[in-house]
Amino acid sequence: MVIKVDFDLVMSILAHNPYRLLALHLDRYQHFSDERIYDQFIHNSGEITVRTSDIRIDLKKKRKLPLLLDFFMQEITLNYPWLNNKSVQFVASATS
């Protein structure tokens, strides 16, 4: 029983931290809860296109999508060795 409680606590903290880090980088959203950050920014659908040089993710239009895309544009484009040195590109889709 003790192992299960410890594992649940660690997994909860690991899931909480990326939402907090994202919220800290988004102006006016630092005080939002994890659930609200997920609903307004993360919960979205789109299309993934894998090309020879990169992976393009077309996210469907959403009210807060420009803030999220601005956040991703601030980051330097990185090539991921575990993706055969491909870069990941986030783009707003033309459809909603």
PDB file of N, CA and C in Angstrom:
ATOM      1  N   MET A   1       0.818  -1.197   0.000  1.00  0.00           N
ATOM      2  CA  MET A   1       0.000   0.000   0.000  1.00  0.00           C
ATOM      3  C   MET A   1       0.861   1.260   0.000  1.00  0.00           C
ATOM      4  N   VAL A   2       1.950   1.244   0.738  1.00  0.00           N
ATOM      5  CA  VAL A   2       2.823   2.409   0.808  1.00  0.00           C
ATOM      6  C   VAL A   2       3.449   2.688  -0.554  1.00  0.00           C
ATOM      7  N   ILE A   3       3.826   1.656  -1.282  1.00  0.00           N
ATOM      8  CA  ILE A   3       4.442   1.825  -2.597  1.00  0.00           C
ATOM      9  C   ILE A   3       3.458   2.476  -3.555  1.00  0.00           C
ATOM     10  N   LYS A   4       2.196   2.075  -3.522  1.00  0.00           N
ATOM     11  CA  LYS A   4       1.195   2.647  -4.413  1.00  0.00           C
ATOM     12  C   LYS A   4       0.991   4.125  -4.114  1.00  0.00           C
ATOM     13  N   VAL A   5       0.942   4.514  -2.868  1.00  0.00           N
ATOM     14  CA  VAL A   5       0.764   5.914  -2.498  1.00  0.00           C
ATOM     15  C   VAL A   5       1.957   6.734  -2.963  1.00  0.00           C
ATOM     16  N   ASP A   6       3.162   6.245  -2.764  1.00  0.00           N
ATOM     17  CA  ASP A   6       4.353   6.960  -3.197  1.00  0.00           C
ATOM     18  C   ASP A   6       4.391   7.102  -4.715  1.00  0.00           C
ATOM     19  N   PHE A   7       4.055   6.046  -5.432  1.00  0.00           N
ATOM     20  CA  PHE A   7       4.049   6.097  -6.886  1.00  0.00           C
ATOM     21  C   PHE A   7       3.009   7.092  -7.379  1.00  0.00           C
ATOM     22  N   ASP A   8       1.808   7.082  -6.808  1.00  0.00           N
ATOM     23  CA  ASP A   8       0.759   8.023  -7.202  1.00  0.00           C
ATOM     24  C   ASP A   8       1.182   9.466  -6.954  1.00  0.00           C
ATOM     25  N   LEU A   9       1.839   9.713  -5.839  1.00  0.00           N
ATOM     26  CA  LEU A   9       2.290  11.061  -5.519  1.00  0.00           C
ATOM     27  C   LEU A   9       3.344  11.524  -6.520  1.00  0.00           C
ATOM     28  N   VAL A  10       4.302  10.692  -6.828  1.00  0.00           N
ATOM     29  CA  VAL A  10       5.352  11.047  -7.786  1.00  0.00           C
ATOM     30  C   VAL A  10       4.748  11.314  -9.156  1.00  0.00           C
ATOM     31  N   MET A  11       3.846  10.476  -9.610  1.00  0.00           N
ATOM     32  CA  MET A  11       3.225  10.668 -10.920  1.00  0.00           C
ATOM     33  C   MET A  11       2.387  11.944 -10.957  1.00  0.00           C
ATOM     34  N   SER A  12       1.707  12.263  -9.869  1.00  0.00           N
ATOM     35  CA  SER A  12       0.923  13.500  -9.807  1.00  0.00           C
ATOM     36  C   SER A  12       1.817  14.730  -9.896  1.00  0.00           C
ATOM     37  N   ILE A  13       2.931  14.698  -9.198  1.00  0.00           N
ATOM     38  CA  ILE A  13       3.871  15.823  -9.236  1.00  0.00           C
ATOM     39  C   ILE A  13       4.493  15.950 -10.618  1.00  0.00           C
ATOM     40  N   LEU A  14       4.857  14.830 -11.226  1.00  0.00           N
ATOM     41  CA  LEU A  14       5.437  14.862 -12.569  1.00  0.00           C
ATOM     42  C   LEU A  14       4.437  15.386 -13.603  1.00  0.00           C
ATOM     43  N   ALA A  15       3.178  15.098 -13.427  1.00  0.00           N
ATOM     44  CA  ALA A  15       2.155  15.599 -14.349  1.00  0.00           C
ATOM     45  C   ALA A  15       1.854  17.075 -14.097  1.00  0.00           C
ATOM     46  N   HIS A  16       1.961  17.501 -12.868  1.00  0.00           N
ATOM     47  CA  HIS A  16       1.648  18.885 -12.487  1.00  0.00           C
ATOM     48  C   HIS A  16       2.708  19.868 -12.995  1.00  0.00           C
ATOM     49  N   ASN A  17       3.969  19.504 -12.922  1.00  0.00           N
ATOM     50  CA  ASN A  17       5.062  20.431 -13.227  1.00  0.00           C
ATOM     51  C   ASN A  17       5.060  20.968 -14.653  1.00  0.00           C
ATOM     52  N   PRO A  18       4.842  20.174 -15.696  1.00  0.00           N
ATOM     53  CA  PRO A  18       4.823  20.770 -17.047  1.00  0.00           C
ATOM     54  C   PRO A  18       3.707  21.809 -17.220  1.00  0.00           C
ATOM     55  N   TYR A  19       2.556  21.579 -16.596  1.00  0.00           N
ATOM     56  CA  TYR A  19       1.475  22.574 -16.675  1.00  0.00           C
ATOM     57  C   TYR A  19       1.870  23.865 -15.978  1.00  0.00           C
ATOM     58  N   ARG A  20       2.526  23.759 -14.846  1.00  0.00           N
ATOM     59  CA  ARG A  20       2.986  24.957 -14.125  1.00  0.00           C
ATOM     60  C   ARG A  20       4.018  25.714 -14.944  1.00  0.00           C
ATOM     61  N   LEU A  21       4.959  24.999 -15.551  1.00  0.00           N
ATOM     62  CA  LEU A  21       5.976  25.653 -16.366  1.00  0.00           C
ATOM     63  C   LEU A  21       5.357  26.363 -17.565  1.00  0.00           C
ATOM     64  N   LEU A  22       4.384  25.737 -18.200  1.00  0.00           N
ATOM     65  CA  LEU A  22       3.691  26.378 -19.312  1.00  0.00           C
ATOM     66  C   LEU A  22       2.944  27.615 -18.829  1.00  0.00           C
ATOM     67  N   ALA A  23       2.242  27.505 -17.722  1.00  0.00           N
ATOM     68  CA  ALA A  23       1.474  28.640 -17.201  1.00  0.00           C
ATOM     69  C   ALA A  23       2.380  29.810 -16.835  1.00  0.00           C
ATOM     70  N   LEU A  24       3.557  29.539 -16.327  1.00  0.00           N
ATOM     71  CA  LEU A  24       4.481  30.611 -15.968  1.00  0.00           C
ATOM     72  C   LEU A  24       4.971  31.380 -17.192  1.00  0.00           C
ATOM     73  N   HIS A  25       4.996  30.742 -18.348  1.00  0.00           N
ATOM     74  CA  HIS A  25       5.463  31.408 -19.561  1.00  0.00           C
ATOM     75  C   HIS A  25       4.341  32.115 -20.320  1.00  0.00           C
ATOM     76  N   LEU A  26       3.093  31.904 -19.925  1.00  0.00           N
ATOM     77  CA  LEU A  26       1.961  32.542 -20.588  1.00  0.00           C
ATOM     78  C   LEU A  26       1.481  33.713 -19.737  1.00  0.00           C
ATOM     79  N   ASP A  27       1.577  34.910 -20.287  1.00  0.00           N
ATOM     80  CA  ASP A  27       1.152  36.090 -19.534  1.00  0.00           C
ATOM     81  C   ASP A  27      -0.318  35.989 -19.139  1.00  0.00           C
ATOM     82  N   ARG A  28      -0.612  36.412 -17.952  1.00  0.00           N
ATOM     83  CA  ARG A  28      -1.973  36.460 -17.378  1.00  0.00           C
ATOM     84  C   ARG A  28      -2.571  35.092 -17.065  1.00  0.00           C
ATOM     85  N   TYR A  29      -1.811  34.001 -17.194  1.00  0.00           N
ATOM     86  CA  TYR A  29      -2.361  32.672 -16.932  1.00  0.00           C
ATOM     87  C   TYR A  29      -1.593  31.924 -15.848  1.00  0.00           C
ATOM     88  N   GLN A  30      -0.732  32.621 -15.119  1.00  0.00           N
ATOM     89  CA  GLN A  30       0.077  31.979 -14.088  1.00  0.00           C
ATOM     90  C   GLN A  30      -0.773  31.395 -12.968  1.00  0.00           C
ATOM     91  N   HIS A  31      -1.923  31.969 -12.712  1.00  0.00           N
ATOM     92  CA  HIS A  31      -2.763  31.527 -11.590  1.00  0.00           C
ATOM     93  C   HIS A  31      -3.766  30.431 -11.974  1.00  0.00           C
ATOM     94  N   PHE A  32      -3.797  30.017 -13.229  1.00  0.00           N
ATOM     95  CA  PHE A  32      -4.751  29.008 -13.666  1.00  0.00           C
ATOM     96  C   PHE A  32      -4.389  27.644 -13.093  1.00  0.00           C
ATOM     97  N   SER A  33      -5.402  26.838 -12.849  1.00  0.00           N
ATOM     98  CA  SER A  33      -5.179  25.475 -12.373  1.00  0.00           C
ATOM     99  C   SER A  33      -4.719  24.591 -13.538  1.00  0.00           C
ATOM    100  N   ASP A  34      -4.211  23.425 -13.204  1.00  0.00           N
ATOM    101  CA  ASP A  34      -3.756  22.487 -14.239  1.00  0.00           C
ATOM    102  C   ASP A  34      -4.895  22.108 -15.177  1.00  0.00           C
ATOM    103  N   GLU A  35      -6.075  21.870 -14.626  1.00  0.00           N
ATOM    104  CA  GLU A  35      -7.223  21.482 -15.438  1.00  0.00           C
ATOM    105  C   GLU A  35      -7.606  22.586 -16.412  1.00  0.00           C
ATOM    106  N   ARG A  36      -7.546  23.815 -15.956  1.00  0.00           N
ATOM    107  CA  ARG A  36      -7.920  24.944 -16.805  1.00  0.00           C
ATOM    108  C   ARG A  36      -6.878  25.183 -17.894  1.00  0.00           C
ATOM    109  N   ILE A  37      -5.608  25.028 -17.582  1.00  0.00           N
ATOM    110  CA  ILE A  37      -4.553  25.129 -18.590  1.00  0.00           C
ATOM    111  C   ILE A  37      -4.766  24.054 -19.654  1.00  0.00           C
ATOM    112  N   TYR A  38      -5.074  22.844 -19.217  1.00  0.00           N
ATOM    113  CA  TYR A  38      -5.320  21.752 -20.155  1.00  0.00           C
ATOM    114  C   TYR A  38      -6.508  22.081 -21.060  1.00  0.00           C
ATOM    115  N   ASP A  39      -7.621  22.515 -20.469  1.00  0.00           N
ATOM    116  CA  ASP A  39      -8.823  22.798 -21.256  1.00  0.00           C
ATOM    117  C   ASP A  39      -8.612  23.929 -22.259  1.00  0.00           C
ATOM    118  N   GLN A  40      -7.907  24.974 -21.860  1.00  0.00           N
ATOM    119  CA  GLN A  40      -7.806  26.145 -22.720  1.00  0.00           C
ATOM    120  C   GLN A  40      -6.649  26.077 -23.715  1.00  0.00           C
ATOM    121  N   PHE A  41      -5.597  25.309 -23.427  1.00  0.00           N
ATOM    122  CA  PHE A  41      -4.439  25.312 -24.300  1.00  0.00           C
ATOM    123  C   PHE A  41      -4.092  23.950 -24.884  1.00  0.00           C
ATOM    124  N   ILE A  42      -4.142  22.915 -24.104  1.00  0.00           N
ATOM    125  CA  ILE A  42      -3.637  21.612 -24.533  1.00  0.00           C
ATOM    126  C   ILE A  42      -4.694  20.775 -25.246  1.00  0.00           C
ATOM    127  N   HIS A  43      -5.903  20.752 -24.729  1.00  0.00           N
ATOM    128  CA  HIS A  43      -6.968  19.916 -25.292  1.00  0.00           C
ATOM    129  C   HIS A  43      -7.370  20.465 -26.657  1.00  0.00           C
ATOM    130  N   ASN A  44      -6.807  19.891 -27.694  1.00  0.00           N
ATOM    131  CA  ASN A  44      -7.050  20.346 -29.052  1.00  0.00           C
ATOM    132  C   ASN A  44      -6.752  19.171 -29.980  1.00  0.00           C
ATOM    133  N   SER A  45      -7.224  19.268 -31.187  1.00  0.00           N
ATOM    134  CA  SER A  45      -6.920  18.223 -32.156  1.00  0.00           C
ATOM    135  C   SER A  45      -6.280  18.858 -33.380  1.00  0.00           C
ATOM    136  N   GLY A  46      -5.803  18.041 -34.253  1.00  0.00           N
ATOM    137  CA  GLY A  46      -5.159  18.547 -35.454  1.00  0.00           C
ATOM    138  C   GLY A  46      -4.654  17.402 -36.293  1.00  0.00           C
ATOM    139  N   GLU A  47      -3.771  17.733 -37.213  1.00  0.00           N
ATOM    140  CA  GLU A  47      -3.199  16.734 -38.100  1.00  0.00           C
ATOM    141  C   GLU A  47      -1.681  16.750 -37.974  1.00  0.00           C
ATOM    142  N   ILE A  48      -1.090  15.573 -38.014  1.00  0.00           N
ATOM    143  CA  ILE A  48       0.363  15.439 -37.940  1.00  0.00           C
ATOM    144  C   ILE A  48       0.864  14.946 -39.293  1.00  0.00           C
ATOM    145  N   THR A  49       1.828  15.669 -39.836  1.00  0.00           N
ATOM    146  CA  THR A  49       2.436  15.296 -41.101  1.00  0.00           C
ATOM    147  C   THR A  49       3.920  15.036 -40.868  1.00  0.00           C
ATOM    148  N   VAL A  50       4.348  13.819 -41.154  1.00  0.00           N
ATOM    149  CA  VAL A  50       5.758  13.457 -40.991  1.00  0.00           C
ATOM    150  C   VAL A  50       6.409  13.543 -42.355  1.00  0.00           C
ATOM    151  N   ARG A  51       7.373  14.474 -42.469  1.00  0.00           N
ATOM    152  CA  ARG A  51       8.106  14.659 -43.723  1.00  0.00           C
ATOM    153  C   ARG A  51       9.546  14.192 -43.517  1.00  0.00           C
ATOM    154  N   THR A  52      10.342  14.249 -44.554  1.00  0.00           N
ATOM    155  CA  THR A  52      11.718  13.756 -44.453  1.00  0.00           C
ATOM    156  C   THR A  52      12.569  14.609 -43.527  1.00  0.00           C
ATOM    157  N   SER A  53      12.330  15.913 -43.485  1.00  0.00           N
ATOM    158  CA  SER A  53      13.177  16.791 -42.673  1.00  0.00           C
ATOM    159  C   SER A  53      12.545  17.235 -41.358  1.00  0.00           C
ATOM    160  N   ASP A  54      11.219  17.188 -41.266  1.00  0.00           N
ATOM    161  CA  ASP A  54      10.573  17.671 -40.049  1.00  0.00           C
ATOM    162  C   ASP A  54       9.221  17.001 -39.850  1.00  0.00           C
ATOM    163  N   ILE A  55       8.633  17.317 -38.707  1.00  0.00           N
ATOM    164  CA  ILE A  55       7.285  16.861 -38.366  1.00  0.00           C
ATOM    165  C   ILE A  55       6.443  18.109 -38.172  1.00  0.00           C
ATOM    166  N   ARG A  56       5.371  18.221 -38.918  1.00  0.00           N
ATOM    167  CA  ARG A  56       4.508  19.401 -38.857  1.00  0.00           C
ATOM    168  C   ARG A  56       3.215  19.017 -38.147  1.00  0.00           C
ATOM    169  N   ILE A  57       2.860  19.818 -37.140  1.00  0.00           N
ATOM    170  CA  ILE A  57       1.627  19.589 -36.385  1.00  0.00           C
ATOM    171  C   ILE A  57       0.701  20.765 -36.637  1.00  0.00           C
ATOM    172  N   ASP A  58      -0.385  20.528 -37.381  1.00  0.00           N
ATOM    173  CA  ASP A  58      -1.386  21.550 -37.682  1.00  0.00           C
ATOM    174  C   ASP A  58      -2.484  21.471 -36.626  1.00  0.00           C
ATOM    175  N   LEU A  59      -2.482  22.444 -35.710  1.00  0.00           N
ATOM    176  CA  LEU A  59      -3.471  22.474 -34.638  1.00  0.00           C
ATOM    177  C   LEU A  59      -4.720  23.203 -35.106  1.00  0.00           C
ATOM    178  N   LYS A  60      -5.885  22.669 -34.760  1.00  0.00           N
ATOM    179  CA  LYS A  60      -7.134  23.314 -35.146  1.00  0.00           C
ATOM    180  C   LYS A  60      -7.274  24.642 -34.428  1.00  0.00           C
ATOM    181  N   LYS A  61      -7.979  25.556 -35.069  1.00  0.00           N
ATOM    182  CA  LYS A  61      -8.149  26.897 -34.510  1.00  0.00           C
ATOM    183  C   LYS A  61      -8.868  26.838 -33.174  1.00  0.00           C
ATOM    184  N   LYS A  62      -8.373  27.640 -32.262  1.00  0.00           N
ATOM    185  CA  LYS A  62      -8.933  27.740 -30.927  1.00  0.00           C
ATOM    186  C   LYS A  62      -8.660  29.156 -30.442  1.00  0.00           C
ATOM    187  N   ARG A  63      -9.458  29.653 -29.556  1.00  0.00           N
ATOM    188  CA  ARG A  63      -9.343  31.047 -29.127  1.00  0.00           C
ATOM    189  C   ARG A  63      -7.964  31.378 -28.573  1.00  0.00           C
ATOM    190  N   LYS A  64      -7.389  30.504 -27.779  1.00  0.00           N
ATOM    191  CA  LYS A  64      -6.103  30.761 -27.130  1.00  0.00           C
ATOM    192  C   LYS A  64      -4.914  30.214 -27.919  1.00  0.00           C
ATOM    193  N   LEU A  65      -5.152  29.686 -29.112  1.00  0.00           N
ATOM    194  CA  LEU A  65      -4.076  29.083 -29.903  1.00  0.00           C
ATOM    195  C   LEU A  65      -2.954  30.063 -30.247  1.00  0.00           C
ATOM    196  N   PRO A  66      -3.228  31.331 -30.575  1.00  0.00           N
ATOM    197  CA  PRO A  66      -2.112  32.244 -30.871  1.00  0.00           C
ATOM    198  C   PRO A  66      -1.127  32.400 -29.710  1.00  0.00           C
ATOM    199  N   LEU A  67      -1.606  32.399 -28.479  1.00  0.00           N
ATOM    200  CA  LEU A  67      -0.703  32.477 -27.327  1.00  0.00           C
ATOM    201  C   LEU A  67       0.196  31.257 -27.250  1.00  0.00           C
ATOM    202  N   LEU A  68      -0.377  30.108 -27.495  1.00  0.00           N
ATOM    203  CA  LEU A  68       0.395  28.870 -27.442  1.00  0.00           C
ATOM    204  C   LEU A  68       1.423  28.822 -28.576  1.00  0.00           C
ATOM    205  N   LEU A  69       1.030  29.245 -29.766  1.00  0.00           N
ATOM    206  CA  LEU A  69       1.965  29.252 -30.889  1.00  0.00           C
ATOM    207  C   LEU A  69       3.082  30.265 -30.671  1.00  0.00           C
ATOM    208  N   ASP A  70       2.773  31.404 -30.068  1.00  0.00           N
ATOM    209  CA  ASP A  70       3.818  32.381 -29.742  1.00  0.00           C
ATOM    210  C   ASP A  70       4.829  31.779 -28.775  1.00  0.00           C
ATOM    211  N   PHE A  71       4.326  31.004 -27.823  1.00  0.00           N
ATOM    212  CA  PHE A  71       5.215  30.334 -26.869  1.00  0.00           C
ATOM    213  C   PHE A  71       6.151  29.372 -27.600  1.00  0.00           C
ATOM    214  N   PHE A  72       5.616  28.604 -28.530  1.00  0.00           N
ATOM    215  CA  PHE A  72       6.444  27.651 -29.262  1.00  0.00           C
ATOM    216  C   PHE A  72       7.420  28.366 -30.196  1.00  0.00           C
ATOM    217  N   MET A  73       7.046  29.512 -30.745  1.00  0.00           N
ATOM    218  CA  MET A  73       7.926  30.248 -31.653  1.00  0.00           C
ATOM    219  C   MET A  73       9.117  30.860 -30.915  1.00  0.00           C
ATOM    220  N   GLN A  74       8.977  31.102 -29.617  1.00  0.00           N
ATOM    221  CA  GLN A  74      10.070  31.657 -28.834  1.00  0.00           C
ATOM    222  C   GLN A  74      11.196  30.642 -28.662  1.00  0.00           C
ATOM    223  N   GLU A  75      10.846  29.386 -28.696  1.00  0.00           N
ATOM    224  CA  GLU A  75      11.834  28.331 -28.506  1.00  0.00           C
ATOM    225  C   GLU A  75      12.673  28.173 -29.769  1.00  0.00           C
ATOM    226  N   ILE A  76      13.917  27.855 -29.591  1.00  0.00           N
ATOM    227  CA  ILE A  76      14.808  27.614 -30.721  1.00  0.00           C
ATOM    228  C   ILE A  76      14.440  26.274 -31.350  1.00  0.00           C
ATOM    229  N   THR A  77      14.475  26.234 -32.675  1.00  0.00           N
ATOM    230  CA  THR A  77      14.187  24.985 -33.366  1.00  0.00           C
ATOM    231  C   THR A  77      15.283  23.973 -33.053  1.00  0.00           C
ATOM    232  N   LEU A  78      14.879  22.841 -32.549  1.00  0.00           N
ATOM    233  CA  LEU A  78      15.824  21.791 -32.187  1.00  0.00           C
ATOM    234  C   LEU A  78      15.581  20.566 -33.052  1.00  0.00           C
ATOM    235  N   ASN A  79      16.642  19.885 -33.360  1.00  0.00           N
ATOM    236  CA  ASN A  79      16.525  18.595 -34.023  1.00  0.00           C
ATOM    237  C   ASN A  79      16.606  17.510 -32.958  1.00  0.00           C
ATOM    238  N   TYR A  80      15.694  16.587 -33.013  1.00  0.00           N
ATOM    239  CA  TYR A  80      15.597  15.545 -32.008  1.00  0.00           C
ATOM    240  C   TYR A  80      16.266  14.267 -32.514  1.00  0.00           C
ATOM    241  N   PRO A  81      17.346  13.835 -31.864  1.00  0.00           N
ATOM    242  CA  PRO A  81      18.056  12.627 -32.320  1.00  0.00           C
ATOM    243  C   PRO A  81      17.165  11.391 -32.329  1.00  0.00           C
ATOM    244  N   TRP A  82      16.260  11.280 -31.374  1.00  0.00           N
ATOM    245  CA  TRP A  82      15.407  10.102 -31.301  1.00  0.00           C
ATOM    246  C   TRP A  82      14.285  10.136 -32.339  1.00  0.00           C
ATOM    247  N   LEU A  83      14.186  11.250 -33.113  1.00  0.00           N
ATOM    248  CA  LEU A  83      13.259  11.336 -34.245  1.00  0.00           C
ATOM    249  C   LEU A  83      14.037  11.413 -35.560  1.00  0.00           C
ATOM    250  N   ASN A  84      15.189  10.786 -35.608  1.00  0.00           N
ATOM    251  CA  ASN A  84      16.061  10.821 -36.793  1.00  0.00           C
ATOM    252  C   ASN A  84      16.445  12.252 -37.167  1.00  0.00           C
ATOM    253  N   ASN A  85      16.743  13.064 -36.147  1.00  0.00           N
ATOM    254  CA  ASN A  85      17.162  14.463 -36.291  1.00  0.00           C
ATOM    255  C   ASN A  85      16.135  15.345 -36.993  1.00  0.00           C
ATOM    256  N   LYS A  86      14.873  15.033 -36.839  1.00  0.00           N
ATOM    257  CA  LYS A  86      13.810  15.865 -37.399  1.00  0.00           C
ATOM    258  C   LYS A  86      13.445  16.956 -36.398  1.00  0.00           C
ATOM    259  N   SER A  87      12.971  18.076 -36.899  1.00  0.00           N
ATOM    260  CA  SER A  87      12.474  19.140 -36.038  1.00  0.00           C
ATOM    261  C   SER A  87      10.950  19.035 -35.986  1.00  0.00           C
ATOM    262  N   VAL A  88      10.349  19.610 -34.940  1.00  0.00           N
ATOM    263  CA  VAL A  88       8.900  19.604 -34.776  1.00  0.00           C
ATOM    264  C   VAL A  88       8.417  21.030 -34.951  1.00  0.00           C
ATOM    265  N   GLN A  89       7.419  21.207 -35.813  1.00  0.00           N
ATOM    266  CA  GLN A  89       6.895  22.528 -36.136  1.00  0.00           C
ATOM    267  C   GLN A  89       5.404  22.563 -35.814  1.00  0.00           C
ATOM    268  N   PHE A  90       4.985  23.525 -34.986  1.00  0.00           N
ATOM    269  CA  PHE A  90       3.578  23.711 -34.638  1.00  0.00           C
ATOM    270  C   PHE A  90       3.017  24.854 -35.472  1.00  0.00           C
ATOM    271  N   VAL A  91       1.877  24.599 -36.134  1.00  0.00           N
ATOM    272  CA  VAL A  91       1.272  25.579 -37.036  1.00  0.00           C
ATOM    273  C   VAL A  91      -0.227  25.610 -36.792  1.00  0.00           C
ATOM    274  N   ALA A  92      -0.829  26.801 -36.958  1.00  0.00           N
ATOM    275  CA  ALA A  92      -2.282  26.920 -36.858  1.00  0.00           C
ATOM    276  C   ALA A  92      -2.891  26.407 -38.150  1.00  0.00           C
ATOM    277  N   SER A  93      -3.844  25.525 -38.039  1.00  0.00           N
ATOM    278  CA  SER A  93      -4.502  24.958 -39.205  1.00  0.00           C
ATOM    279  C   SER A  93      -5.446  25.978 -39.815  1.00  0.00           C
ATOM    280  N   ALA A  94      -5.736  25.823 -41.090  1.00  0.00           N
ATOM    281  CA  ALA A  94      -6.665  26.719 -41.783  1.00  0.00           C
ATOM    282  C   ALA A  94      -8.109  26.355 -41.469  1.00  0.00           C
ATOM    283  N   THR A  95      -8.335  25.183 -40.891  1.00  0.00           N
ATOM    284  CA  THR A  95      -9.699  24.756 -40.577  1.00  0.00           C
ATOM    285  C   THR A  95      -9.903  24.768 -39.066  1.00  0.00           C
ATOM    286  N   SER A  96     -11.163  24.784 -38.683  1.00  0.00           N
ATOM    287  CA  SER A  96     -11.465  24.754 -37.246  1.00  0.00           C
ATOM    288  C   SER A  96     -12.176  23.483 -36.867  1.00  0.00           C
TER     289      SER A  96
END
